[in-house]
Amino acid sequence: MIIIGITGTIGAGKGTVVEYLSKKKDFMHYSAREFLTTEVKRRGLPVDRDSFTTVANSLRHENGPFFIALSLYETAAAEGKNAIIESLRTPGEVSFLRDKDNFFLLAVDANIELRYERIVKRNLSTDHVTLERFKSDEQREMSSSDPSSQNLRACIDMADGIVYNQGSLEELYEAVDKALASFFGEEHI
């Protein structure tokens, strides 16, 4: 079983990478967003970025800094198929998965203006924000000394490969294939 962890900045194209690997490479997808959406709704909170952050940090404080990754990994391991675990946001989540065989962490990034344009177009419930709020949200999630809080910068720094999604879909897919082949070998991906 190959496990690909996905991390990266808001609106960089993590979901596009997941869709590509799921459809073209037959990977199963395990989503932190879906996991958190279920928990946010269970708690009766609004489904927005603030609730996701609050609930995720709460779960990690109560159950350990790798709790979300552990929950998704257990589901993936029970399936036993090649898996994508998206979106890793704390170094504890990355470290937990790094201890598993055949784990690769892929970071996705792009310039902030392009990422903001993308979130406006994708129109998810968490995306109805101004550019200033988008920048503020990202700044809040980029670093923290609390191991249970989001630290995207540290996760990106821990990545085995980084793709910069600033061109066409074909360029993105080619970059993803190249990053994965350099780690696993072309015959495994």
N, C-alpha and C. Protein backbone atom coordinates (compact mmCIF):
# COMPACT_ATOMS: atom_id res chain seq x y z
N MET A 1 0.84 -1.18 0.00
CA MET A 1 0.00 0.00 0.00
C MET A 1 0.88 1.24 0.00
N ILE A 2 0.67 2.12 -0.95
CA ILE A 2 1.34 3.42 -1.01
C ILE A 2 0.43 4.44 -0.36
N ILE A 3 1.02 5.30 0.46
CA ILE A 3 0.27 6.38 1.08
C ILE A 3 0.90 7.70 0.64
N ILE A 4 0.10 8.54 0.02
CA ILE A 4 0.55 9.87 -0.35
C ILE A 4 -0.17 10.87 0.54
N GLY A 5 0.60 11.60 1.31
CA GLY A 5 0.05 12.69 2.10
C GLY A 5 0.10 13.95 1.27
N ILE A 6 -0.95 14.75 1.36
CA ILE A 6 -1.00 16.01 0.61
C ILE A 6 -1.07 17.16 1.61
N THR A 7 -0.19 18.13 1.43
CA THR A 7 -0.21 19.36 2.22
C THR A 7 -0.04 20.52 1.26
N GLY A 8 -0.16 21.71 1.76
CA GLY A 8 0.08 22.88 0.92
C GLY A 8 -0.78 24.05 1.33
N THR A 9 -0.60 25.11 0.61
CA THR A 9 -1.29 26.36 0.91
C THR A 9 -2.74 26.31 0.44
N ILE A 10 -3.54 27.22 0.99
CA ILE A 10 -4.97 27.30 0.67
C ILE A 10 -5.14 27.63 -0.82
N GLY A 11 -5.95 26.84 -1.52
CA GLY A 11 -6.26 27.11 -2.91
C GLY A 11 -5.16 26.79 -3.90
N ALA A 12 -4.13 26.07 -3.46
CA ALA A 12 -3.00 25.77 -4.34
C ALA A 12 -3.31 24.70 -5.37
N GLY A 13 -4.32 23.87 -5.12
CA GLY A 13 -4.66 22.81 -6.05
C GLY A 13 -4.53 21.43 -5.46
N LYS A 14 -4.57 21.33 -4.14
CA LYS A 14 -4.47 20.02 -3.49
C LYS A 14 -5.59 19.11 -3.97
N GLY A 15 -6.80 19.65 -4.05
CA GLY A 15 -7.94 18.87 -4.52
C GLY A 15 -7.80 18.43 -5.96
N THR A 16 -7.20 19.26 -6.78
CA THR A 16 -6.96 18.89 -8.18
C THR A 16 -5.97 17.74 -8.27
N VAL A 17 -4.94 17.77 -7.43
CA VAL A 17 -3.97 16.67 -7.39
C VAL A 17 -4.65 15.39 -6.92
N VAL A 18 -5.48 15.52 -5.90
CA VAL A 18 -6.21 14.35 -5.38
C VAL A 18 -7.12 13.77 -6.47
N GLU A 19 -7.84 14.62 -7.16
CA GLU A 19 -8.73 14.15 -8.22
C GLU A 19 -7.95 13.42 -9.31
N TYR A 20 -6.80 13.96 -9.69
CA TYR A 20 -5.95 13.32 -10.70
C TYR A 20 -5.50 11.94 -10.24
N LEU A 21 -4.98 11.86 -9.02
CA LEU A 21 -4.47 10.57 -8.52
C LEU A 21 -5.60 9.56 -8.30
N SER A 22 -6.76 10.05 -7.91
CA SER A 22 -7.90 9.15 -7.70
C SER A 22 -8.41 8.59 -9.03
N LYS A 23 -8.59 9.46 -10.01
CA LYS A 23 -9.18 9.04 -11.28
C LYS A 23 -8.18 8.35 -12.20
N LYS A 24 -6.96 8.86 -12.27
CA LYS A 24 -5.99 8.35 -13.25
C LYS A 24 -5.07 7.27 -12.69
N LYS A 25 -4.90 7.25 -11.37
CA LYS A 25 -3.96 6.31 -10.76
C LYS A 25 -4.64 5.37 -9.77
N ASP A 26 -5.96 5.50 -9.64
CA ASP A 26 -6.77 4.59 -8.83
C ASP A 26 -6.42 4.60 -7.34
N PHE A 27 -6.08 5.77 -6.81
CA PHE A 27 -5.83 5.92 -5.38
C PHE A 27 -7.16 6.18 -4.67
N MET A 28 -7.31 5.66 -3.47
CA MET A 28 -8.45 5.96 -2.62
C MET A 28 -8.16 7.30 -1.93
N HIS A 29 -9.19 8.10 -1.71
CA HIS A 29 -9.02 9.43 -1.13
C HIS A 29 -9.63 9.48 0.27
N TYR A 30 -8.84 9.95 1.22
CA TYR A 30 -9.29 10.13 2.60
C TYR A 30 -9.05 11.59 2.96
N SER A 31 -10.12 12.31 3.20
CA SER A 31 -10.08 13.77 3.30
C SER A 31 -10.25 14.29 4.72
N ALA A 32 -9.31 15.10 5.16
CA ALA A 32 -9.45 15.77 6.46
C ALA A 32 -10.65 16.71 6.45
N ARG A 33 -10.88 17.37 5.30
CA ARG A 33 -12.03 18.30 5.20
C ARG A 33 -13.33 17.53 5.45
N GLU A 34 -13.51 16.38 4.81
CA GLU A 34 -14.73 15.60 5.01
C GLU A 34 -14.84 15.11 6.46
N PHE A 35 -13.73 14.65 7.01
CA PHE A 35 -13.69 14.20 8.39
C PHE A 35 -14.14 15.34 9.32
N LEU A 36 -13.58 16.55 9.08
CA LEU A 36 -13.91 17.69 9.93
C LEU A 36 -15.33 18.19 9.68
N THR A 37 -15.79 18.14 8.45
CA THR A 37 -17.16 18.57 8.15
C THR A 37 -18.15 17.74 8.96
N THR A 38 -17.93 16.45 9.02
CA THR A 38 -18.80 15.57 9.81
C THR A 38 -18.79 15.99 11.28
N GLU A 39 -17.62 16.25 11.81
CA GLU A 39 -17.50 16.62 13.23
C GLU A 39 -18.07 18.01 13.50
N VAL A 40 -17.83 18.95 12.60
CA VAL A 40 -18.37 20.31 12.76
C VAL A 40 -19.90 20.26 12.77
N LYS A 41 -20.49 19.51 11.86
CA LYS A 41 -21.95 19.39 11.81
C LYS A 41 -22.47 18.69 13.07
N ARG A 42 -21.76 17.65 13.52
CA ARG A 42 -22.17 16.94 14.73
C ARG A 42 -22.22 17.88 15.94
N ARG A 43 -21.30 18.84 15.96
CA ARG A 43 -21.24 19.81 17.06
C ARG A 43 -22.18 20.99 16.86
N GLY A 44 -22.89 21.02 15.73
CA GLY A 44 -23.84 22.09 15.47
C GLY A 44 -23.22 23.43 15.14
N LEU A 45 -22.01 23.41 14.61
CA LEU A 45 -21.30 24.64 14.26
C LEU A 45 -21.47 24.96 12.78
N PRO A 46 -21.25 26.21 12.40
CA PRO A 46 -21.31 26.55 10.97
C PRO A 46 -20.15 25.88 10.23
N VAL A 47 -20.40 25.46 9.01
CA VAL A 47 -19.36 24.80 8.21
C VAL A 47 -18.55 25.89 7.53
N ASP A 48 -17.50 26.34 8.24
CA ASP A 48 -16.61 27.37 7.70
C ASP A 48 -15.19 27.13 8.21
N ARG A 49 -14.25 27.90 7.69
CA ARG A 49 -12.83 27.71 8.02
C ARG A 49 -12.58 27.88 9.51
N ASP A 50 -13.24 28.84 10.15
CA ASP A 50 -13.04 29.04 11.58
C ASP A 50 -13.47 27.80 12.37
N SER A 51 -14.62 27.23 12.01
CA SER A 51 -15.08 26.02 12.71
C SER A 51 -14.13 24.85 12.45
N PHE A 52 -13.68 24.70 11.20
CA PHE A 52 -12.73 23.62 10.89
C PHE A 52 -11.48 23.75 11.74
N THR A 53 -10.94 24.96 11.83
CA THR A 53 -9.72 25.18 12.59
C THR A 53 -9.95 24.90 14.07
N THR A 54 -11.03 25.43 14.61
CA THR A 54 -11.33 25.24 16.04
C THR A 54 -11.52 23.76 16.36
N VAL A 55 -12.31 23.08 15.57
CA VAL A 55 -12.60 21.66 15.83
C VAL A 55 -11.34 20.81 15.63
N ALA A 56 -10.59 21.07 14.57
CA ALA A 56 -9.37 20.30 14.33
C ALA A 56 -8.38 20.47 15.48
N ASN A 57 -8.18 21.70 15.90
CA ASN A 57 -7.24 21.95 17.00
C ASN A 57 -7.75 21.32 18.30
N SER A 58 -9.05 21.37 18.52
CA SER A 58 -9.64 20.75 19.70
C SER A 58 -9.43 19.23 19.69
N LEU A 59 -9.71 18.60 18.56
CA LEU A 59 -9.51 17.15 18.45
C LEU A 59 -8.05 16.77 18.68
N ARG A 60 -7.14 17.56 18.14
CA ARG A 60 -5.72 17.27 18.33
C ARG A 60 -5.30 17.47 19.79
N HIS A 61 -5.80 18.52 20.43
CA HIS A 61 -5.48 18.75 21.85
C HIS A 61 -5.99 17.61 22.71
N GLU A 62 -7.19 17.13 22.42
CA GLU A 62 -7.80 16.07 23.22
C GLU A 62 -7.21 14.69 22.96
N ASN A 63 -6.78 14.44 21.70
CA ASN A 63 -6.42 13.08 21.29
C ASN A 63 -5.00 12.91 20.77
N GLY A 64 -4.24 13.98 20.72
CA GLY A 64 -2.87 13.93 20.22
C GLY A 64 -2.74 14.67 18.90
N PRO A 65 -1.56 15.24 18.63
CA PRO A 65 -1.38 16.10 17.46
C PRO A 65 -1.52 15.39 16.12
N PHE A 66 -1.58 14.07 16.12
CA PHE A 66 -1.70 13.32 14.86
C PHE A 66 -3.07 12.64 14.74
N PHE A 67 -4.02 13.03 15.59
CA PHE A 67 -5.30 12.32 15.67
C PHE A 67 -6.05 12.24 14.33
N ILE A 68 -6.12 13.33 13.60
CA ILE A 68 -6.88 13.31 12.34
C ILE A 68 -6.21 12.38 11.34
N ALA A 69 -4.88 12.48 11.22
CA ALA A 69 -4.15 11.60 10.31
C ALA A 69 -4.30 10.14 10.74
N LEU A 70 -4.26 9.87 12.02
CA LEU A 70 -4.44 8.51 12.54
C LEU A 70 -5.82 7.98 12.14
N SER A 71 -6.85 8.78 12.33
CA SER A 71 -8.21 8.35 11.99
C SER A 71 -8.33 8.02 10.50
N LEU A 72 -7.78 8.89 9.66
CA LEU A 72 -7.84 8.66 8.21
C LEU A 72 -6.98 7.46 7.81
N TYR A 73 -5.81 7.33 8.44
CA TYR A 73 -4.93 6.21 8.13
C TYR A 73 -5.59 4.87 8.49
N GLU A 74 -6.23 4.81 9.64
CA GLU A 74 -6.87 3.56 10.05
C GLU A 74 -7.93 3.13 9.04
N THR A 75 -8.69 4.09 8.53
CA THR A 75 -9.69 3.78 7.51
C THR A 75 -9.00 3.29 6.24
N ALA A 76 -7.94 3.98 5.83
CA ALA A 76 -7.20 3.60 4.62
C ALA A 76 -6.57 2.22 4.78
N ALA A 77 -5.96 1.95 5.92
CA ALA A 77 -5.31 0.67 6.15
C ALA A 77 -6.31 -0.48 6.11
N ALA A 78 -7.52 -0.24 6.61
CA ALA A 78 -8.55 -1.27 6.56
C ALA A 78 -8.92 -1.61 5.12
N GLU A 79 -8.87 -0.63 4.23
CA GLU A 79 -9.13 -0.85 2.80
C GLU A 79 -7.95 -1.56 2.14
N GLY A 80 -6.74 -1.18 2.55
CA GLY A 80 -5.53 -1.83 2.03
C GLY A 80 -5.14 -1.44 0.62
N LYS A 81 -5.69 -0.37 0.09
CA LYS A 81 -5.37 0.06 -1.27
C LYS A 81 -4.49 1.30 -1.23
N ASN A 82 -3.86 1.64 -2.36
CA ASN A 82 -3.10 2.87 -2.44
C ASN A 82 -4.00 4.03 -2.02
N ALA A 83 -3.45 4.92 -1.18
CA ALA A 83 -4.29 5.94 -0.54
C ALA A 83 -3.66 7.32 -0.58
N ILE A 84 -4.54 8.31 -0.65
CA ILE A 84 -4.17 9.71 -0.49
C ILE A 84 -4.82 10.18 0.80
N ILE A 85 -4.02 10.79 1.67
CA ILE A 85 -4.55 11.40 2.88
C ILE A 85 -4.32 12.90 2.74
N GLU A 86 -5.43 13.62 2.66
CA GLU A 86 -5.40 15.06 2.37
C GLU A 86 -6.31 15.76 3.36
N SER A 87 -5.95 16.73 3.98
CA SER A 87 -4.87 17.68 3.89
C SER A 87 -4.13 17.68 5.24
N LEU A 88 -2.85 17.35 5.20
CA LEU A 88 -2.05 17.31 6.42
C LEU A 88 -1.65 18.73 6.80
N ARG A 89 -1.87 19.06 8.08
CA ARG A 89 -1.67 20.45 8.50
C ARG A 89 -0.79 20.61 9.73
N THR A 90 -0.36 19.51 10.35
CA THR A 90 0.54 19.63 11.50
C THR A 90 1.74 18.71 11.31
N PRO A 91 2.90 19.10 11.85
CA PRO A 91 4.06 18.22 11.78
C PRO A 91 3.81 16.87 12.45
N GLY A 92 2.97 16.84 13.48
CA GLY A 92 2.65 15.57 14.14
C GLY A 92 1.94 14.61 13.20
N GLU A 93 1.06 15.13 12.36
CA GLU A 93 0.37 14.28 11.38
C GLU A 93 1.37 13.71 10.38
N VAL A 94 2.27 14.57 9.91
CA VAL A 94 3.29 14.12 8.96
C VAL A 94 4.21 13.08 9.61
N SER A 95 4.66 13.36 10.82
CA SER A 95 5.57 12.43 11.50
C SER A 95 4.91 11.07 11.74
N PHE A 96 3.63 11.09 12.14
CA PHE A 96 2.90 9.84 12.33
C PHE A 96 2.90 9.01 11.05
N LEU A 97 2.57 9.63 9.93
CA LEU A 97 2.49 8.90 8.65
C LEU A 97 3.88 8.55 8.12
N ARG A 98 4.87 9.34 8.44
CA ARG A 98 6.22 9.07 7.97
C ARG A 98 6.72 7.73 8.52
N ASP A 99 6.20 7.31 9.65
CA ASP A 99 6.59 6.03 10.24
C ASP A 99 5.98 4.83 9.51
N LYS A 100 5.07 5.08 8.58
CA LYS A 100 4.43 4.00 7.82
C LYS A 100 5.26 3.69 6.57
N ASP A 101 5.21 2.45 6.12
CA ASP A 101 5.91 2.08 4.89
C ASP A 101 5.31 2.80 3.70
N ASN A 102 6.15 3.08 2.71
CA ASN A 102 5.71 3.65 1.43
C ASN A 102 4.92 4.94 1.58
N PHE A 103 5.36 5.83 2.47
CA PHE A 103 4.72 7.13 2.64
C PHE A 103 5.51 8.20 1.91
N PHE A 104 4.77 9.06 1.21
CA PHE A 104 5.36 10.18 0.47
C PHE A 104 4.51 11.41 0.75
N LEU A 105 5.16 12.51 1.16
CA LEU A 105 4.45 13.75 1.41
C LEU A 105 4.67 14.70 0.24
N LEU A 106 3.57 15.08 -0.39
CA LEU A 106 3.61 16.00 -1.52
C LEU A 106 2.99 17.32 -1.09
N ALA A 107 3.73 18.41 -1.31
CA ALA A 107 3.22 19.75 -1.02
C ALA A 107 2.83 20.41 -2.34
N VAL A 108 1.76 21.18 -2.30
CA VAL A 108 1.28 21.91 -3.46
C VAL A 108 1.24 23.39 -3.09
N ASP A 109 1.76 24.23 -3.99
CA ASP A 109 1.82 25.66 -3.73
C ASP A 109 1.63 26.43 -5.03
N ALA A 110 1.31 27.70 -4.91
CA ALA A 110 1.18 28.62 -6.04
C ALA A 110 1.20 30.03 -5.45
N ASN A 111 1.31 31.04 -6.30
CA ASN A 111 1.34 32.40 -5.75
C ASN A 111 -0.04 32.76 -5.19
N ILE A 112 -0.05 33.67 -4.24
CA ILE A 112 -1.25 33.93 -3.45
C ILE A 112 -2.39 34.53 -4.27
N GLU A 113 -2.09 35.39 -5.23
CA GLU A 113 -3.17 35.97 -6.03
C GLU A 113 -3.88 34.91 -6.86
N LEU A 114 -3.12 34.02 -7.45
CA LEU A 114 -3.70 32.92 -8.24
C LEU A 114 -4.53 32.01 -7.34
N ARG A 115 -4.03 31.72 -6.16
CA ARG A 115 -4.77 30.86 -5.23
C ARG A 115 -6.08 31.51 -4.80
N TYR A 116 -6.06 32.82 -4.59
CA TYR A 116 -7.30 33.51 -4.22
C TYR A 116 -8.30 33.45 -5.37
N GLU A 117 -7.85 33.66 -6.59
CA GLU A 117 -8.74 33.54 -7.75
C GLU A 117 -9.38 32.16 -7.79
N ARG A 118 -8.59 31.14 -7.50
CA ARG A 118 -9.10 29.77 -7.54
C ARG A 118 -10.18 29.52 -6.49
N ILE A 119 -9.96 30.02 -5.27
CA ILE A 119 -10.97 29.74 -4.24
C ILE A 119 -12.27 30.47 -4.53
N VAL A 120 -12.17 31.66 -5.13
CA VAL A 120 -13.39 32.38 -5.50
C VAL A 120 -14.16 31.57 -6.53
N LYS A 121 -13.45 30.98 -7.49
CA LYS A 121 -14.10 30.17 -8.54
C LYS A 121 -14.67 28.86 -8.00
N ARG A 122 -13.95 28.20 -7.07
CA ARG A 122 -14.44 26.90 -6.60
C ARG A 122 -15.66 27.06 -5.71
N ASN A 123 -15.78 28.21 -5.00
CA ASN A 123 -17.02 28.60 -4.34
C ASN A 123 -17.48 27.63 -3.25
N LEU A 124 -16.56 27.08 -2.46
CA LEU A 124 -16.95 26.26 -1.31
C LEU A 124 -17.42 27.16 -0.18
N SER A 125 -18.07 26.59 0.80
CA SER A 125 -18.59 27.39 1.91
C SER A 125 -17.49 28.14 2.65
N THR A 126 -16.28 27.60 2.65
CA THR A 126 -15.15 28.25 3.33
C THR A 126 -14.47 29.31 2.48
N ASP A 127 -14.90 29.47 1.24
CA ASP A 127 -14.21 30.34 0.30
C ASP A 127 -14.83 31.72 0.13
N HIS A 128 -15.89 32.02 0.80
CA HIS A 128 -16.56 33.31 0.65
C HIS A 128 -15.89 34.34 1.55
N VAL A 129 -14.68 34.74 1.18
CA VAL A 129 -13.90 35.69 1.98
C VAL A 129 -13.24 36.72 1.06
N THR A 130 -12.89 37.84 1.65
CA THR A 130 -12.15 38.85 0.92
C THR A 130 -10.69 38.41 0.79
N LEU A 131 -9.96 39.06 -0.09
CA LEU A 131 -8.53 38.77 -0.23
C LEU A 131 -7.81 39.01 1.10
N GLU A 132 -8.19 40.05 1.80
CA GLU A 132 -7.55 40.35 3.09
C GLU A 132 -7.81 39.23 4.09
N ARG A 133 -9.04 38.74 4.13
CA ARG A 133 -9.37 37.64 5.05
C ARG A 133 -8.64 36.37 4.63
N PHE A 134 -8.56 36.12 3.33
CA PHE A 134 -7.83 34.97 2.80
C PHE A 134 -6.38 34.99 3.29
N LYS A 135 -5.75 36.14 3.17
CA LYS A 135 -4.36 36.29 3.62
C LYS A 135 -4.24 36.10 5.12
N SER A 136 -5.21 36.64 5.86
CA SER A 136 -5.21 36.51 7.32
C SER A 136 -5.39 35.05 7.74
N ASP A 137 -6.34 34.36 7.10
CA ASP A 137 -6.55 32.94 7.41
C ASP A 137 -5.29 32.14 7.15
N GLU A 138 -4.66 32.40 6.00
CA GLU A 138 -3.45 31.65 5.68
C GLU A 138 -2.33 31.94 6.68
N GLN A 139 -2.17 33.20 7.04
CA GLN A 139 -1.13 33.56 8.01
C GLN A 139 -1.34 32.82 9.33
N ARG A 140 -2.59 32.73 9.76
CA ARG A 140 -2.93 32.04 11.01
C ARG A 140 -2.56 30.55 10.94
N GLU A 141 -2.69 29.96 9.74
CA GLU A 141 -2.45 28.53 9.57
C GLU A 141 -1.01 28.18 9.21
N MET A 142 -0.20 29.18 8.90
CA MET A 142 1.16 28.91 8.41
C MET A 142 2.14 28.45 9.48
N SER A 143 1.99 28.93 10.71
CA SER A 143 2.96 28.51 11.73
C SER A 143 2.36 28.59 13.12
N SER A 144 2.88 27.73 13.98
CA SER A 144 2.45 27.71 15.37
C SER A 144 3.47 26.92 16.18
N SER A 145 3.68 27.34 17.40
CA SER A 145 4.56 26.57 18.29
C SER A 145 3.78 25.48 19.03
N ASP A 146 2.45 25.52 18.93
CA ASP A 146 1.58 24.52 19.55
C ASP A 146 1.52 23.29 18.63
N PRO A 147 1.98 22.12 19.08
CA PRO A 147 1.99 20.95 18.21
C PRO A 147 0.61 20.48 17.77
N SER A 148 -0.45 20.95 18.42
CA SER A 148 -1.81 20.56 18.04
C SER A 148 -2.46 21.56 17.08
N SER A 149 -1.77 22.64 16.80
CA SER A 149 -2.32 23.66 15.90
C SER A 149 -1.69 23.57 14.53
N GLN A 150 -2.37 24.13 13.56
CA GLN A 150 -1.91 24.07 12.18
C GLN A 150 -0.57 24.77 12.01
N ASN A 151 0.29 24.14 11.19
CA ASN A 151 1.61 24.68 10.90
C ASN A 151 1.97 24.26 9.48
N LEU A 152 1.31 24.91 8.52
CA LEU A 152 1.52 24.54 7.11
C LEU A 152 2.96 24.71 6.68
N ARG A 153 3.63 25.76 7.15
CA ARG A 153 5.02 26.00 6.74
C ARG A 153 5.88 24.80 7.12
N ALA A 154 5.75 24.30 8.32
CA ALA A 154 6.55 23.15 8.75
C ALA A 154 6.21 21.92 7.92
N CYS A 155 4.93 21.71 7.62
CA CYS A 155 4.53 20.56 6.81
C CYS A 155 5.12 20.66 5.40
N ILE A 156 5.05 21.83 4.81
CA ILE A 156 5.62 22.02 3.47
C ILE A 156 7.12 21.77 3.51
N ASP A 157 7.77 22.25 4.56
CA ASP A 157 9.22 22.03 4.70
C ASP A 157 9.57 20.55 4.87
N MET A 158 8.64 19.75 5.37
CA MET A 158 8.86 18.32 5.57
C MET A 158 8.57 17.49 4.30
N ALA A 159 8.05 18.14 3.26
CA ALA A 159 7.61 17.42 2.06
C ALA A 159 8.76 16.72 1.35
N ASP A 160 8.45 15.56 0.79
CA ASP A 160 9.39 14.81 -0.05
C ASP A 160 9.43 15.38 -1.46
N GLY A 161 8.38 16.07 -1.85
CA GLY A 161 8.29 16.72 -3.15
C GLY A 161 7.34 17.89 -3.09
N ILE A 162 7.64 18.92 -3.87
CA ILE A 162 6.78 20.10 -3.94
C ILE A 162 6.45 20.36 -5.40
N VAL A 163 5.18 20.61 -5.68
CA VAL A 163 4.78 21.02 -7.02
C VAL A 163 4.20 22.43 -6.92
N TYR A 164 4.58 23.26 -7.90
CA TYR A 164 4.10 24.63 -7.98
C TYR A 164 3.06 24.67 -9.08
N ASN A 165 1.83 24.85 -8.70
CA ASN A 165 0.69 24.77 -9.59
C ASN A 165 0.35 26.16 -10.14
N GLN A 166 1.10 26.59 -11.11
CA GLN A 166 0.89 27.92 -11.66
C GLN A 166 0.66 27.89 -13.16
N GLY A 167 0.54 26.70 -13.73
CA GLY A 167 0.35 26.58 -15.17
C GLY A 167 -0.90 25.79 -15.49
N SER A 168 -0.81 25.01 -16.56
CA SER A 168 -1.94 24.21 -17.02
C SER A 168 -2.11 22.95 -16.16
N LEU A 169 -3.26 22.31 -16.32
CA LEU A 169 -3.48 21.04 -15.64
C LEU A 169 -2.46 20.01 -16.09
N GLU A 170 -2.15 19.98 -17.37
CA GLU A 170 -1.17 19.02 -17.89
C GLU A 170 0.19 19.22 -17.23
N GLU A 171 0.58 20.47 -17.02
CA GLU A 171 1.85 20.75 -16.35
C GLU A 171 1.82 20.29 -14.90
N LEU A 172 0.68 20.49 -14.25
CA LEU A 172 0.54 20.03 -12.87
C LEU A 172 0.64 18.51 -12.80
N TYR A 173 -0.09 17.82 -13.66
CA TYR A 173 -0.07 16.36 -13.65
C TYR A 173 1.33 15.82 -13.93
N GLU A 174 2.02 16.45 -14.86
CA GLU A 174 3.39 16.03 -15.18
C GLU A 174 4.31 16.23 -13.98
N ALA A 175 4.16 17.34 -13.27
CA ALA A 175 4.98 17.60 -12.08
C ALA A 175 4.68 16.59 -10.98
N VAL A 176 3.41 16.25 -10.80
CA VAL A 176 3.03 15.25 -9.79
C VAL A 176 3.64 13.90 -10.15
N ASP A 177 3.49 13.48 -11.40
CA ASP A 177 4.05 12.20 -11.84
C ASP A 177 5.56 12.16 -11.63
N LYS A 178 6.23 13.24 -11.96
CA LYS A 178 7.69 13.30 -11.81
C LYS A 178 8.09 13.20 -10.34
N ALA A 179 7.41 13.91 -9.48
CA ALA A 179 7.72 13.87 -8.04
C ALA A 179 7.52 12.48 -7.48
N LEU A 180 6.42 11.84 -7.83
CA LEU A 180 6.13 10.51 -7.30
C LEU A 180 7.08 9.45 -7.88
N ALA A 181 7.39 9.56 -9.18
CA ALA A 181 8.30 8.60 -9.81
C ALA A 181 9.69 8.71 -9.22
N SER A 182 10.11 9.91 -8.83
CA SER A 182 11.45 10.06 -8.25
C SER A 182 11.56 9.36 -6.91
N PHE A 183 10.44 9.17 -6.24
CA PHE A 183 10.44 8.53 -4.93
C PHE A 183 10.14 7.04 -5.02
N PHE A 184 9.09 6.69 -5.77
CA PHE A 184 8.63 5.30 -5.83
C PHE A 184 9.14 4.53 -7.04
N GLY A 185 9.59 5.23 -8.07
CA GLY A 185 9.93 4.60 -9.33
C GLY A 185 8.71 4.60 -10.23
N GLU A 186 8.92 4.78 -11.51
CA GLU A 186 7.80 4.92 -12.45
C GLU A 186 6.91 3.68 -12.50
N GLU A 187 7.47 2.51 -12.26
CA GLU A 187 6.67 1.30 -12.37
C GLU A 187 5.64 1.14 -11.26
N HIS A 188 5.77 1.92 -10.17
CA HIS A 188 4.84 1.80 -9.05
C HIS A 188 3.74 2.85 -9.05
N ILE A 189 3.86 3.81 -9.94
CA ILE A 189 2.87 4.90 -9.95
C ILE A 189 2.13 4.91 -11.27
